[in-house]
Each structure stands twice: as C-alpha cells, then as structure tokens.
C-alpha cells in the first residue's frame, strides 16, 4: 500500500492567519487519521508492505512515477519467487 504523507499542513501556511488557524486543525486531524489507517493496514500480517511517500500529495503516481514503478516491479519480482 502506498501512503502519501500529504503536504496539507504546509499548504495551510499560504492563507491568512484566521484561515490558517481553522484549516490547521483539520490538517492535523487528517494526518492523525492517515497514521491510524496505516497501523490498521499494517496489522493485517507480516506480508503487508507499506510505502510511506514523504512530502507527497494524493497524486503520488503523477508526482513520483519512477518511485512507484520501481517499487511495484520489486514487489512483483519478489512475489514471483
């Protein structure tokens, strides 16, 4: 599973102080929820592979295609053994 550790908290900085204050709490909640999802997925067993993509947006396949392709090839090569 690929998890993009989104840049929500950094994006919030572009707004005025009031908007930043309002959006920052939502961004923090989103990050916490994402970490919970990762742990739930990880609990499915030792066969689980998690790829954390730091500072990557939701469209990680567009933003970092080479990393995605390389990782998927490695996964399929290992699965064939």
N, C-alpha and C. Protein backbone atom coordinates (compact mmCIF):
# COMPACT_ATOMS: atom_id res chain seq x y z
N UNK A 1 0.85 -1.16 0.00
CA UNK A 1 0.00 0.00 0.00
C UNK A 1 0.90 1.23 0.00
N UNK A 2 0.63 2.12 -0.89
CA UNK A 2 1.34 3.40 -0.94
C UNK A 2 0.57 4.41 -0.11
N UNK A 3 1.26 5.07 0.79
CA UNK A 3 0.65 6.14 1.57
C UNK A 3 1.43 7.42 1.32
N UNK A 4 0.75 8.40 0.78
CA UNK A 4 1.36 9.71 0.57
C UNK A 4 1.17 10.52 1.84
N UNK A 5 2.28 10.94 2.41
CA UNK A 5 2.19 11.80 3.59
C UNK A 5 2.04 13.22 3.06
N UNK A 6 0.82 13.56 2.86
CA UNK A 6 0.42 14.79 2.18
C UNK A 6 1.06 16.03 2.79
N UNK A 7 0.94 17.09 2.08
CA UNK A 7 1.54 18.36 2.47
C UNK A 7 0.50 19.33 3.03
N UNK A 8 -0.60 18.82 3.55
CA UNK A 8 -1.69 19.69 4.00
C UNK A 8 -1.23 20.76 4.98
N UNK A 9 -0.43 20.38 5.96
CA UNK A 9 -0.02 21.37 6.97
C UNK A 9 0.84 22.46 6.35
N UNK A 10 1.64 22.11 5.35
CA UNK A 10 2.46 23.12 4.67
C UNK A 10 1.61 24.01 3.77
N UNK A 11 0.61 23.43 3.13
CA UNK A 11 -0.27 24.21 2.25
C UNK A 11 -1.05 25.27 3.02
N UNK A 12 -1.38 24.97 4.24
CA UNK A 12 -2.17 25.89 5.07
C UNK A 12 -1.44 27.21 5.27
N UNK A 13 -0.11 27.19 5.24
CA UNK A 13 0.68 28.39 5.51
C UNK A 13 0.43 29.53 4.53
N UNK A 14 -0.12 29.24 3.37
CA UNK A 14 -0.33 30.28 2.35
C UNK A 14 -1.52 31.20 2.66
N UNK A 15 -2.35 30.80 3.62
CA UNK A 15 -3.57 31.56 3.92
C UNK A 15 -3.35 32.58 5.04
N UNK A 16 -4.32 33.48 5.16
CA UNK A 16 -4.26 34.46 6.24
C UNK A 16 -4.37 33.76 7.59
N UNK A 17 -4.04 34.45 8.65
CA UNK A 17 -3.94 33.85 9.98
C UNK A 17 -5.23 33.16 10.43
N UNK A 18 -6.36 33.79 10.22
CA UNK A 18 -7.63 33.20 10.63
C UNK A 18 -7.93 31.89 9.90
N UNK A 19 -7.73 31.91 8.61
CA UNK A 19 -7.96 30.70 7.80
C UNK A 19 -6.97 29.62 8.18
N UNK A 20 -5.70 30.03 8.38
CA UNK A 20 -4.67 29.06 8.79
C UNK A 20 -5.07 28.36 10.08
N UNK A 21 -5.52 29.13 11.04
CA UNK A 21 -5.91 28.56 12.33
C UNK A 21 -7.03 27.54 12.15
N UNK A 22 -8.00 27.88 11.34
CA UNK A 22 -9.13 26.98 11.10
C UNK A 22 -8.70 25.72 10.35
N UNK A 23 -7.89 25.89 9.32
CA UNK A 23 -7.50 24.75 8.48
C UNK A 23 -6.43 23.87 9.12
N UNK A 24 -5.59 24.46 9.96
CA UNK A 24 -4.51 23.68 10.55
C UNK A 24 -5.04 22.53 11.40
N UNK A 25 -6.08 22.78 12.16
CA UNK A 25 -6.62 21.69 12.99
C UNK A 25 -7.17 20.57 12.10
N UNK A 26 -7.76 20.91 10.97
CA UNK A 26 -8.24 19.89 10.05
C UNK A 26 -7.09 19.11 9.42
N UNK A 27 -6.02 19.80 9.09
CA UNK A 27 -4.85 19.14 8.51
C UNK A 27 -4.22 18.18 9.52
N UNK A 28 -4.16 18.59 10.77
CA UNK A 28 -3.61 17.73 11.81
C UNK A 28 -4.49 16.50 12.01
N UNK A 29 -5.79 16.69 12.01
CA UNK A 29 -6.72 15.55 12.13
C UNK A 29 -6.55 14.59 10.96
N UNK A 30 -6.36 15.12 9.77
CA UNK A 30 -6.16 14.28 8.59
C UNK A 30 -4.89 13.45 8.73
N UNK A 31 -3.80 14.08 9.21
CA UNK A 31 -2.55 13.36 9.41
C UNK A 31 -2.71 12.25 10.43
N UNK A 32 -3.41 12.53 11.52
CA UNK A 32 -3.64 11.51 12.55
C UNK A 32 -4.45 10.34 12.00
N UNK A 33 -5.48 10.65 11.24
CA UNK A 33 -6.31 9.61 10.65
C UNK A 33 -5.49 8.75 9.69
N UNK A 34 -4.64 9.37 8.91
CA UNK A 34 -3.79 8.64 7.98
C UNK A 34 -2.88 7.67 8.74
N UNK A 35 -2.29 8.11 9.84
CA UNK A 35 -1.44 7.23 10.64
C UNK A 35 -2.24 6.07 11.22
N UNK A 36 -3.47 6.33 11.63
CA UNK A 36 -4.34 5.25 12.12
C UNK A 36 -4.61 4.23 11.01
N UNK A 37 -4.87 4.72 9.81
CA UNK A 37 -5.13 3.83 8.68
C UNK A 37 -3.91 2.96 8.37
N UNK A 38 -2.74 3.55 8.47
CA UNK A 38 -1.51 2.80 8.21
C UNK A 38 -1.36 1.68 9.24
N UNK A 39 -1.61 1.97 10.49
CA UNK A 39 -1.48 0.95 11.53
C UNK A 39 -2.53 -0.16 11.37
N UNK A 40 -3.73 0.20 10.98
CA UNK A 40 -4.76 -0.81 10.74
C UNK A 40 -4.32 -1.71 9.59
N UNK A 41 -3.84 -1.12 8.53
CA UNK A 41 -3.39 -1.91 7.39
C UNK A 41 -2.21 -2.80 7.77
N UNK A 42 -1.27 -2.24 8.54
CA UNK A 42 -0.08 -2.98 8.97
C UNK A 42 -0.48 -4.21 9.80
N UNK A 43 -1.56 -4.13 10.54
CA UNK A 43 -1.99 -5.22 11.41
C UNK A 43 -2.53 -6.43 10.64
N UNK A 44 -2.61 -6.33 9.33
CA UNK A 44 -3.11 -7.44 8.53
C UNK A 44 -2.11 -8.59 8.39
N UNK A 45 -0.90 -8.41 8.83
CA UNK A 45 0.06 -9.51 8.81
C UNK A 45 1.42 -9.13 8.30
N UNK A 46 2.35 -10.08 8.40
CA UNK A 46 3.74 -9.80 8.01
C UNK A 46 3.94 -9.66 6.50
N UNK A 47 2.98 -10.08 5.73
CA UNK A 47 3.08 -9.97 4.27
C UNK A 47 2.80 -8.56 3.76
N UNK A 48 2.30 -7.71 4.63
CA UNK A 48 1.90 -6.35 4.24
C UNK A 48 3.14 -5.50 3.95
N UNK A 49 3.08 -4.78 2.86
CA UNK A 49 4.14 -3.82 2.52
C UNK A 49 3.53 -2.43 2.50
N UNK A 50 4.18 -1.55 3.22
CA UNK A 50 3.72 -0.16 3.29
C UNK A 50 4.85 0.73 2.79
N UNK A 51 4.53 1.56 1.84
CA UNK A 51 5.48 2.52 1.29
C UNK A 51 5.00 3.91 1.71
N UNK A 52 5.77 4.56 2.59
CA UNK A 52 5.44 5.92 3.00
C UNK A 52 6.18 6.89 2.08
N UNK A 53 5.42 7.71 1.43
CA UNK A 53 6.00 8.67 0.49
C UNK A 53 5.95 10.04 1.14
N UNK A 54 7.08 10.44 1.70
CA UNK A 54 7.18 11.70 2.41
C UNK A 54 6.94 12.89 1.49
N UNK A 55 6.27 13.88 2.02
CA UNK A 55 6.01 15.13 1.30
C UNK A 55 5.50 14.88 -0.12
N UNK A 56 4.53 14.03 -0.19
CA UNK A 56 3.94 13.67 -1.47
C UNK A 56 2.43 13.88 -1.39
N UNK A 57 1.88 14.43 -2.42
CA UNK A 57 0.45 14.69 -2.45
C UNK A 57 -0.32 13.43 -2.83
N UNK A 58 -1.62 13.53 -2.82
CA UNK A 58 -2.51 12.41 -3.13
C UNK A 58 -2.20 11.82 -4.51
N UNK A 59 -1.77 12.64 -5.43
CA UNK A 59 -1.49 12.17 -6.79
C UNK A 59 -0.04 11.71 -6.90
N UNK A 60 0.37 10.83 -6.01
CA UNK A 60 1.76 10.37 -5.96
C UNK A 60 2.17 9.68 -7.26
N UNK A 61 1.23 9.06 -7.96
CA UNK A 61 1.55 8.37 -9.20
C UNK A 61 1.97 9.35 -10.29
N UNK A 62 1.50 10.56 -10.18
CA UNK A 62 1.88 11.60 -11.13
C UNK A 62 3.14 12.31 -10.64
N UNK A 63 3.20 12.57 -9.34
CA UNK A 63 4.30 13.32 -8.76
C UNK A 63 5.61 12.52 -8.72
N UNK A 64 5.52 11.21 -8.46
CA UNK A 64 6.73 10.39 -8.33
C UNK A 64 6.58 9.05 -9.07
N UNK A 65 6.39 9.12 -10.37
CA UNK A 65 6.12 7.88 -11.12
C UNK A 65 7.26 6.87 -11.07
N UNK A 66 8.50 7.34 -11.10
CA UNK A 66 9.62 6.39 -11.12
C UNK A 66 9.70 5.58 -9.82
N UNK A 67 9.44 6.22 -8.70
CA UNK A 67 9.44 5.51 -7.42
C UNK A 67 8.33 4.47 -7.39
N UNK A 68 7.16 4.83 -7.88
CA UNK A 68 6.03 3.90 -7.92
C UNK A 68 6.35 2.71 -8.81
N UNK A 69 6.85 2.96 -9.99
CA UNK A 69 7.16 1.89 -10.94
C UNK A 69 8.22 0.96 -10.36
N UNK A 70 9.29 1.53 -9.83
CA UNK A 70 10.38 0.71 -9.27
C UNK A 70 9.87 -0.15 -8.10
N UNK A 71 9.10 0.45 -7.23
CA UNK A 71 8.58 -0.27 -6.06
C UNK A 71 7.64 -1.39 -6.49
N UNK A 72 6.78 -1.13 -7.45
CA UNK A 72 5.86 -2.16 -7.91
C UNK A 72 6.61 -3.31 -8.60
N UNK A 73 7.61 -2.98 -9.38
CA UNK A 73 8.41 -4.03 -10.03
C UNK A 73 9.11 -4.91 -8.99
N UNK A 74 9.68 -4.27 -7.95
CA UNK A 74 10.34 -5.03 -6.89
C UNK A 74 9.32 -5.94 -6.20
N UNK A 75 8.13 -5.45 -5.95
CA UNK A 75 7.10 -6.24 -5.30
C UNK A 75 6.74 -7.46 -6.16
N UNK A 76 6.50 -7.23 -7.43
CA UNK A 76 6.12 -8.34 -8.31
C UNK A 76 7.28 -9.33 -8.51
N UNK A 77 8.50 -8.82 -8.56
CA UNK A 77 9.65 -9.73 -8.68
C UNK A 77 9.76 -10.61 -7.44
N UNK A 78 9.58 -10.05 -6.26
CA UNK A 78 9.62 -10.81 -5.01
C UNK A 78 8.47 -11.80 -4.92
N UNK A 79 7.30 -11.40 -5.44
CA UNK A 79 6.11 -12.27 -5.37
C UNK A 79 6.24 -13.49 -6.26
N UNK A 80 7.05 -13.39 -7.28
CA UNK A 80 7.21 -14.48 -8.23
C UNK A 80 8.07 -15.61 -7.67
N UNK A 81 8.79 -15.35 -6.59
CA UNK A 81 9.69 -16.35 -6.02
C UNK A 81 8.97 -17.46 -5.36
